[in-house]
Amino acid sequence: MDLPAQRVGTIRAFGTVSLVAGFMTTLLSMMSGYDGLEPHILAAFLILTGLGLRIEAAIADRKS
């Protein structure tokens, strides 16, 4: 496997993990009944990071 393809796969995997962690954080904070804003801010940050990484991987994969 060449290095650019391995890099794209790694970025895509980290993006997926970040998205899953963000959605799980959201679900767990909603089920717990916690009214604070901190878990939702963390979840939004994780989801946006995951989306950005997945978009970056798609663009890098398209170029190669």
N, C-alpha and C. Protein backbone atom coordinates (compact mmCIF):
# COMPACT_ATOMS: atom_id res chain seq x y z
N MET A 1 0.85 -1.17 0.00
CA MET A 1 0.00 0.00 0.00
C MET A 1 0.90 1.23 0.00
N ASP A 2 0.57 2.18 -0.84
CA ASP A 2 1.38 3.39 -0.91
C ASP A 2 1.05 4.35 0.23
N LEU A 3 1.95 5.27 0.46
CA LEU A 3 1.83 6.17 1.61
C LEU A 3 0.62 7.10 1.52
N PRO A 4 0.31 7.73 0.37
CA PRO A 4 -0.89 8.59 0.32
C PRO A 4 -2.19 7.83 0.61
N ALA A 5 -2.30 6.61 0.11
CA ALA A 5 -3.52 5.84 0.38
C ALA A 5 -3.62 5.46 1.85
N GLN A 6 -2.49 5.17 2.47
CA GLN A 6 -2.48 4.84 3.89
C GLN A 6 -2.86 6.08 4.72
N ARG A 7 -2.38 7.26 4.30
CA ARG A 7 -2.70 8.50 4.99
C ARG A 7 -4.20 8.79 4.91
N VAL A 8 -4.77 8.61 3.72
CA VAL A 8 -6.21 8.84 3.54
C VAL A 8 -7.01 7.89 4.40
N GLY A 9 -6.60 6.63 4.46
CA GLY A 9 -7.31 5.66 5.29
C GLY A 9 -7.25 6.00 6.77
N THR A 10 -6.10 6.50 7.21
CA THR A 10 -5.95 6.89 8.62
C THR A 10 -6.81 8.09 8.95
N ILE A 11 -6.81 9.09 8.07
CA ILE A 11 -7.64 10.28 8.30
C ILE A 11 -9.11 9.91 8.32
N ARG A 12 -9.52 9.05 7.39
CA ARG A 12 -10.92 8.63 7.33
C ARG A 12 -11.32 7.88 8.60
N ALA A 13 -10.43 7.04 9.10
CA ALA A 13 -10.73 6.28 10.33
C ALA A 13 -10.85 7.20 11.54
N PHE A 14 -9.93 8.16 11.67
CA PHE A 14 -10.03 9.10 12.78
C PHE A 14 -11.29 9.95 12.68
N GLY A 15 -11.69 10.32 11.47
CA GLY A 15 -12.93 11.06 11.29
C GLY A 15 -14.14 10.27 11.72
N THR A 16 -14.15 9.00 11.38
CA THR A 16 -15.26 8.14 11.76
C THR A 16 -15.33 7.96 13.27
N VAL A 17 -14.18 7.75 13.90
CA VAL A 17 -14.14 7.61 15.36
C VAL A 17 -14.63 8.89 16.03
N SER A 18 -14.23 10.03 15.50
CA SER A 18 -14.66 11.30 16.07
C SER A 18 -16.17 11.49 15.92
N LEU A 19 -16.71 11.14 14.77
CA LEU A 19 -18.17 11.25 14.57
C LEU A 19 -18.92 10.33 15.54
N VAL A 20 -18.48 9.11 15.67
CA VAL A 20 -19.15 8.17 16.56
C VAL A 20 -19.07 8.66 18.01
N ALA A 21 -17.91 9.15 18.41
CA ALA A 21 -17.75 9.66 19.77
C ALA A 21 -18.66 10.87 20.02
N GLY A 22 -18.78 11.73 19.03
CA GLY A 22 -19.66 12.90 19.18
C GLY A 22 -21.11 12.51 19.31
N PHE A 23 -21.56 11.59 18.47
CA PHE A 23 -22.96 11.15 18.55
C PHE A 23 -23.23 10.37 19.83
N MET A 24 -22.28 9.57 20.27
CA MET A 24 -22.45 8.85 21.53
C MET A 24 -22.50 9.80 22.71
N THR A 25 -21.67 10.84 22.69
CA THR A 25 -21.70 11.85 23.75
C THR A 25 -23.06 12.52 23.81
N THR A 26 -23.60 12.85 22.64
CA THR A 26 -24.92 13.48 22.59
C THR A 26 -26.00 12.55 23.15
N LEU A 27 -25.98 11.30 22.71
CA LEU A 27 -27.00 10.36 23.18
C LEU A 27 -26.90 10.11 24.67
N LEU A 28 -25.69 9.93 25.17
CA LEU A 28 -25.53 9.67 26.61
C LEU A 28 -25.92 10.88 27.45
N SER A 29 -25.62 12.09 26.98
CA SER A 29 -26.00 13.26 27.76
C SER A 29 -27.51 13.49 27.73
N MET A 30 -28.16 13.13 26.62
CA MET A 30 -29.62 13.26 26.57
C MET A 30 -30.30 12.22 27.46
N MET A 31 -29.75 11.00 27.48
CA MET A 31 -30.37 9.95 28.30
C MET A 31 -30.13 10.17 29.78
N SER A 32 -29.04 10.85 30.15
CA SER A 32 -28.74 11.02 31.57
C SER A 32 -29.58 12.12 32.20
N GLY A 33 -30.13 13.01 31.39
CA GLY A 33 -30.93 14.09 31.94
C GLY A 33 -30.11 15.26 32.44
N TYR A 34 -28.82 15.28 32.14
CA TYR A 34 -27.96 16.38 32.55
C TYR A 34 -28.31 17.61 31.73
N ASP A 35 -28.54 18.75 32.42
CA ASP A 35 -28.99 19.95 31.74
C ASP A 35 -27.86 20.91 31.37
N GLY A 36 -26.64 20.56 31.69
CA GLY A 36 -25.52 21.45 31.38
C GLY A 36 -25.22 21.50 29.89
N LEU A 37 -24.47 22.50 29.49
CA LEU A 37 -24.16 22.71 28.09
C LEU A 37 -22.83 22.08 27.67
N GLU A 38 -21.97 21.74 28.64
CA GLU A 38 -20.63 21.27 28.33
C GLU A 38 -20.60 20.00 27.46
N PRO A 39 -21.40 18.98 27.76
CA PRO A 39 -21.35 17.79 26.91
C PRO A 39 -21.78 18.06 25.46
N HIS A 40 -22.71 18.98 25.29
CA HIS A 40 -23.17 19.29 23.94
C HIS A 40 -22.12 20.07 23.16
N ILE A 41 -21.37 20.91 23.84
CA ILE A 41 -20.28 21.63 23.18
C ILE A 41 -19.19 20.65 22.77
N LEU A 42 -18.86 19.72 23.64
CA LEU A 42 -17.87 18.70 23.31
C LEU A 42 -18.36 17.85 22.14
N ALA A 43 -19.61 17.46 22.16
CA ALA A 43 -20.16 16.64 21.08
C ALA A 43 -20.13 17.40 19.76
N ALA A 44 -20.49 18.67 19.78
CA ALA A 44 -20.46 19.48 18.56
C ALA A 44 -19.03 19.59 18.03
N PHE A 45 -18.07 19.78 18.92
CA PHE A 45 -16.67 19.86 18.50
C PHE A 45 -16.22 18.54 17.87
N LEU A 46 -16.56 17.42 18.48
CA LEU A 46 -16.19 16.12 17.94
C LEU A 46 -16.84 15.86 16.58
N ILE A 47 -18.11 16.20 16.45
CA ILE A 47 -18.81 15.97 15.20
C ILE A 47 -18.25 16.84 14.09
N LEU A 48 -18.00 18.11 14.37
CA LEU A 48 -17.43 19.00 13.35
C LEU A 48 -16.03 18.57 12.96
N THR A 49 -15.24 18.12 13.93
CA THR A 49 -13.90 17.62 13.62
C THR A 49 -13.99 16.38 12.75
N GLY A 50 -14.89 15.47 13.08
CA GLY A 50 -15.06 14.26 12.29
C GLY A 50 -15.50 14.56 10.87
N LEU A 51 -16.42 15.49 10.72
CA LEU A 51 -16.86 15.88 9.38
C LEU A 51 -15.71 16.48 8.58
N GLY A 52 -14.95 17.34 9.22
CA GLY A 52 -13.81 17.95 8.55
C GLY A 52 -12.78 16.92 8.11
N LEU A 53 -12.49 15.96 8.96
CA LEU A 53 -11.53 14.93 8.61
C LEU A 53 -12.04 14.06 7.47
N ARG A 54 -13.31 13.71 7.50
CA ARG A 54 -13.87 12.90 6.43
C ARG A 54 -13.86 13.66 5.09
N ILE A 55 -14.16 14.95 5.13
CA ILE A 55 -14.12 15.76 3.91
C ILE A 55 -12.68 15.86 3.39
N GLU A 56 -11.74 16.08 4.30
CA GLU A 56 -10.34 16.14 3.90
C GLU A 56 -9.89 14.83 3.26
N ALA A 57 -10.29 13.71 3.82
CA ALA A 57 -9.92 12.40 3.26
C ALA A 57 -10.55 12.22 1.88
N ALA A 58 -11.77 12.66 1.71
CA ALA A 58 -12.44 12.53 0.40
C ALA A 58 -11.73 13.37 -0.65
N ILE A 59 -11.33 14.57 -0.29
CA ILE A 59 -10.63 15.44 -1.24
C ILE A 59 -9.26 14.86 -1.56
N ALA A 60 -8.55 14.40 -0.57
CA ALA A 60 -7.22 13.81 -0.80
C ALA A 60 -7.31 12.53 -1.62
N ASP A 61 -8.36 11.74 -1.41
CA ASP A 61 -8.54 10.51 -2.17
C ASP A 61 -8.89 10.81 -3.62
N ARG A 62 -9.62 11.86 -3.83
CA ARG A 62 -10.01 12.25 -5.19
C ARG A 62 -8.82 12.73 -6.00
N LYS A 63 -7.88 13.40 -5.34
CA LYS A 63 -6.70 13.92 -6.03
C LYS A 63 -5.74 12.82 -6.45
N SER A 64 -5.72 11.72 -5.70
CA SER A 64 -4.75 10.67 -6.03
C SER A 64 -5.30 9.64 -6.98
